[in-house]
């Protein structure tokens, strides 16, 4: 697993309820596409840097991103049976 993902997942596991906010704010379509590529590990180094900056500016998107990472990994919100 990428160290970027492990850091995000560890953070959200420790502070999930506190950082989730009052409502899930979905990013706009261009940002959502970049975040989705990030969640699946398909970003270039430049895109990862851009995503980190987007998340710094829009911390409410962290929960949205975490859900996409979980789905990509077959987690509780998007289990994929083989």
N, C-alpha and C. Protein backbone atom coordinates (compact mmCIF):
# COMPACT_ATOMS: atom_id res chain seq x y z
N UNK A 1 0.85 -1.18 0.00
CA UNK A 1 0.00 0.00 0.00
C UNK A 1 0.90 1.24 0.00
N UNK A 2 0.50 2.22 -0.76
CA UNK A 2 1.23 3.48 -0.81
C UNK A 2 1.27 4.12 0.57
N UNK A 3 2.39 4.74 0.89
CA UNK A 3 2.52 5.43 2.17
C UNK A 3 1.51 6.57 2.29
N UNK A 4 1.15 7.22 1.16
CA UNK A 4 0.13 8.28 1.17
C UNK A 4 -1.20 7.72 1.67
N UNK A 5 -1.58 6.55 1.17
CA UNK A 5 -2.85 5.94 1.58
C UNK A 5 -2.80 5.51 3.04
N UNK A 6 -1.69 4.91 3.47
CA UNK A 6 -1.58 4.44 4.84
C UNK A 6 -1.71 5.61 5.81
N UNK A 7 -1.07 6.71 5.50
CA UNK A 7 -1.16 7.90 6.36
C UNK A 7 -2.59 8.40 6.44
N UNK A 8 -3.27 8.47 5.32
CA UNK A 8 -4.67 8.93 5.29
C UNK A 8 -5.57 7.98 6.06
N UNK A 9 -5.43 6.70 5.84
CA UNK A 9 -6.27 5.71 6.52
C UNK A 9 -6.02 5.71 8.01
N UNK A 10 -4.74 5.77 8.42
CA UNK A 10 -4.42 5.83 9.85
C UNK A 10 -5.04 7.06 10.50
N UNK A 11 -4.94 8.19 9.84
CA UNK A 11 -5.51 9.43 10.37
C UNK A 11 -7.01 9.29 10.54
N UNK A 12 -7.68 8.83 9.51
CA UNK A 12 -9.14 8.74 9.56
C UNK A 12 -9.61 7.68 10.55
N UNK A 13 -8.84 6.61 10.70
CA UNK A 13 -9.21 5.59 11.69
C UNK A 13 -9.16 6.15 13.10
N UNK A 14 -8.19 7.01 13.37
CA UNK A 14 -8.06 7.60 14.72
C UNK A 14 -9.07 8.70 14.96
N UNK A 15 -9.33 9.51 13.95
CA UNK A 15 -10.14 10.71 14.15
C UNK A 15 -11.38 10.76 13.27
N UNK A 16 -11.75 9.66 12.64
CA UNK A 16 -12.85 9.62 11.69
C UNK A 16 -14.08 10.40 12.09
N UNK A 17 -14.73 10.09 13.22
CA UNK A 17 -15.96 10.81 13.57
C UNK A 17 -15.73 12.30 13.77
N UNK A 18 -14.58 12.67 14.31
CA UNK A 18 -14.32 14.08 14.58
C UNK A 18 -14.04 14.89 13.32
N UNK A 19 -13.47 14.26 12.29
CA UNK A 19 -13.12 15.01 11.08
C UNK A 19 -14.17 14.88 9.99
N UNK A 20 -15.19 14.06 10.22
CA UNK A 20 -16.15 13.84 9.16
C UNK A 20 -17.07 15.04 8.93
N UNK A 21 -17.22 15.91 9.90
CA UNK A 21 -18.01 17.12 9.72
C UNK A 21 -19.49 16.85 9.83
N UNK A 22 -20.27 17.89 9.63
CA UNK A 22 -21.72 17.80 9.75
C UNK A 22 -22.35 17.11 8.54
N UNK A 23 -21.80 17.33 7.35
CA UNK A 23 -22.35 16.74 6.15
C UNK A 23 -21.21 16.41 5.19
N UNK A 24 -21.42 15.41 4.39
CA UNK A 24 -20.42 15.02 3.41
C UNK A 24 -20.48 15.98 2.24
N UNK A 25 -19.40 16.72 2.05
CA UNK A 25 -19.33 17.68 0.95
C UNK A 25 -18.57 17.04 -0.20
N UNK A 26 -19.25 16.75 -1.27
CA UNK A 26 -18.62 16.13 -2.43
C UNK A 26 -17.89 17.19 -3.25
N UNK A 27 -16.72 16.84 -3.75
CA UNK A 27 -15.98 17.77 -4.60
C UNK A 27 -16.65 17.91 -5.97
N UNK A 28 -16.34 19.00 -6.67
CA UNK A 28 -16.87 19.20 -8.02
C UNK A 28 -16.26 18.16 -8.96
N UNK A 29 -16.79 18.03 -10.14
CA UNK A 29 -16.46 16.91 -11.03
C UNK A 29 -14.98 16.80 -11.39
N UNK A 30 -14.31 17.90 -11.68
CA UNK A 30 -12.88 17.83 -12.02
C UNK A 30 -12.06 17.36 -10.83
N UNK A 31 -12.35 17.91 -9.66
CA UNK A 31 -11.63 17.50 -8.45
C UNK A 31 -11.98 16.06 -8.10
N UNK A 32 -13.24 15.68 -8.27
CA UNK A 32 -13.65 14.31 -7.96
C UNK A 32 -12.90 13.31 -8.83
N UNK A 33 -12.69 13.63 -10.08
CA UNK A 33 -11.95 12.74 -10.98
C UNK A 33 -10.51 12.58 -10.52
N UNK A 34 -9.88 13.66 -10.11
CA UNK A 34 -8.49 13.59 -9.61
C UNK A 34 -8.43 12.79 -8.31
N UNK A 35 -9.38 13.05 -7.43
CA UNK A 35 -9.41 12.32 -6.16
C UNK A 35 -9.67 10.84 -6.38
N UNK A 36 -10.50 10.50 -7.34
CA UNK A 36 -10.77 9.10 -7.65
C UNK A 36 -9.51 8.42 -8.17
N UNK A 37 -8.76 9.09 -9.05
CA UNK A 37 -7.50 8.53 -9.54
C UNK A 37 -6.52 8.35 -8.38
N UNK A 38 -6.49 9.32 -7.45
CA UNK A 38 -5.64 9.23 -6.28
C UNK A 38 -6.03 8.01 -5.44
N UNK A 39 -7.32 7.82 -5.24
CA UNK A 39 -7.82 6.72 -4.41
C UNK A 39 -7.45 5.36 -4.98
N UNK A 40 -7.37 5.26 -6.29
CA UNK A 40 -7.03 3.98 -6.91
C UNK A 40 -5.53 3.84 -7.20
N UNK A 41 -4.76 4.85 -6.83
CA UNK A 41 -3.31 4.78 -7.04
C UNK A 41 -2.88 5.07 -8.46
N UNK A 42 -3.73 5.72 -9.24
CA UNK A 42 -3.44 5.96 -10.65
C UNK A 42 -2.87 7.35 -10.93
N UNK A 43 -2.52 8.11 -9.90
CA UNK A 43 -2.00 9.47 -10.08
C UNK A 43 -0.49 9.47 -10.30
N UNK A 44 -0.05 10.45 -11.06
CA UNK A 44 1.38 10.71 -11.18
C UNK A 44 1.83 11.46 -9.92
N UNK A 45 3.12 11.61 -9.77
CA UNK A 45 3.65 12.34 -8.61
C UNK A 45 3.13 13.78 -8.61
N UNK A 46 3.05 14.40 -9.78
CA UNK A 46 2.56 15.78 -9.88
C UNK A 46 1.09 15.86 -9.46
N UNK A 47 0.29 14.88 -9.89
CA UNK A 47 -1.12 14.87 -9.51
C UNK A 47 -1.28 14.64 -8.01
N UNK A 48 -0.46 13.78 -7.42
CA UNK A 48 -0.52 13.55 -5.97
C UNK A 48 -0.24 14.84 -5.22
N UNK A 49 0.74 15.61 -5.70
CA UNK A 49 1.05 16.89 -5.08
C UNK A 49 -0.15 17.83 -5.19
N UNK A 50 -0.79 17.85 -6.36
CA UNK A 50 -1.96 18.71 -6.57
C UNK A 50 -3.13 18.27 -5.67
N UNK A 51 -3.33 16.95 -5.54
CA UNK A 51 -4.41 16.45 -4.68
C UNK A 51 -4.15 16.83 -3.22
N UNK A 52 -2.91 16.73 -2.77
CA UNK A 52 -2.60 17.12 -1.39
C UNK A 52 -2.93 18.59 -1.15
N UNK A 53 -2.63 19.43 -2.11
CA UNK A 53 -2.96 20.86 -1.99
C UNK A 53 -4.47 21.07 -1.99
N UNK A 54 -5.19 20.35 -2.85
CA UNK A 54 -6.66 20.46 -2.88
C UNK A 54 -7.24 20.06 -1.52
N UNK A 55 -6.71 18.99 -0.93
CA UNK A 55 -7.21 18.54 0.37
C UNK A 55 -6.87 19.53 1.48
N UNK A 56 -5.74 20.19 1.35
CA UNK A 56 -5.39 21.22 2.34
C UNK A 56 -6.40 22.37 2.27
N UNK A 57 -6.82 22.72 1.06
CA UNK A 57 -7.78 23.80 0.87
C UNK A 57 -9.22 23.38 1.17
N UNK A 58 -9.50 22.09 1.02
CA UNK A 58 -10.86 21.57 1.21
C UNK A 58 -10.82 20.33 2.11
N UNK A 59 -10.54 20.49 3.38
CA UNK A 59 -10.40 19.32 4.27
C UNK A 59 -11.68 18.49 4.39
N UNK A 60 -12.83 19.06 4.08
CA UNK A 60 -14.08 18.31 4.15
C UNK A 60 -14.10 17.18 3.11
N UNK A 61 -13.27 17.26 2.09
CA UNK A 61 -13.21 16.22 1.07
C UNK A 61 -12.49 14.96 1.55
N UNK A 62 -11.82 15.03 2.69
CA UNK A 62 -11.09 13.87 3.19
C UNK A 62 -11.99 12.66 3.39
N UNK A 63 -13.15 12.86 3.96
CA UNK A 63 -14.07 11.73 4.18
C UNK A 63 -14.52 11.14 2.84
N UNK A 64 -14.82 11.99 1.86
CA UNK A 64 -15.22 11.53 0.53
C UNK A 64 -14.09 10.69 -0.07
N UNK A 65 -12.86 11.19 0.04
CA UNK A 65 -11.71 10.46 -0.48
C UNK A 65 -11.51 9.15 0.26
N UNK A 66 -11.64 9.17 1.58
CA UNK A 66 -11.46 7.94 2.36
C UNK A 66 -12.47 6.88 1.94
N UNK A 67 -13.70 7.28 1.68
CA UNK A 67 -14.70 6.33 1.21
C UNK A 67 -14.29 5.72 -0.13
N UNK A 68 -13.72 6.52 -1.03
CA UNK A 68 -13.27 6.00 -2.33
C UNK A 68 -12.09 5.07 -2.16
N UNK A 69 -11.19 5.37 -1.23
CA UNK A 69 -10.05 4.48 -0.97
C UNK A 69 -10.57 3.14 -0.44
N UNK A 70 -11.51 3.19 0.49
CA UNK A 70 -12.09 1.96 1.03
C UNK A 70 -12.76 1.14 -0.06
N UNK A 71 -13.51 1.81 -0.94
CA UNK A 71 -14.17 1.09 -2.04
C UNK A 71 -13.14 0.46 -2.97
N UNK A 72 -12.07 1.18 -3.26
CA UNK A 72 -11.02 0.67 -4.14
C UNK A 72 -10.32 -0.54 -3.53
N UNK A 73 -10.27 -0.57 -2.20
CA UNK A 73 -9.63 -1.68 -1.49
C UNK A 73 -10.62 -2.78 -1.13
N UNK A 74 -11.90 -2.62 -1.52
CA UNK A 74 -12.91 -3.61 -1.18
C UNK A 74 -13.35 -3.53 0.26
N UNK A 75 -13.31 -2.31 0.83
CA UNK A 75 -13.66 -2.10 2.24
C UNK A 75 -15.14 -2.21 2.50
N UNK A 76 -15.52 -1.87 3.71
CA UNK A 76 -16.89 -2.03 4.18
C UNK A 76 -17.90 -1.28 3.32
N UNK A 77 -17.53 -0.13 2.75
CA UNK A 77 -18.51 0.63 1.97
C UNK A 77 -18.57 0.18 0.51
N UNK A 78 -17.66 -0.69 0.10
CA UNK A 78 -17.68 -1.12 -1.29
C UNK A 78 -17.02 -2.47 -1.47
N UNK A 79 -17.42 -3.45 -0.68
CA UNK A 79 -16.79 -4.76 -0.70
C UNK A 79 -16.93 -5.42 -2.08
N UNK A 80 -15.80 -5.92 -2.55
CA UNK A 80 -15.77 -6.61 -3.82
C UNK A 80 -15.42 -8.05 -3.54
N UNK A 81 -16.32 -8.98 -3.86
CA UNK A 81 -16.07 -10.39 -3.65
C UNK A 81 -15.47 -10.98 -4.90
N UNK A 82 -14.40 -11.77 -4.72
CA UNK A 82 -13.73 -12.37 -5.87
C UNK A 82 -14.28 -13.75 -6.16
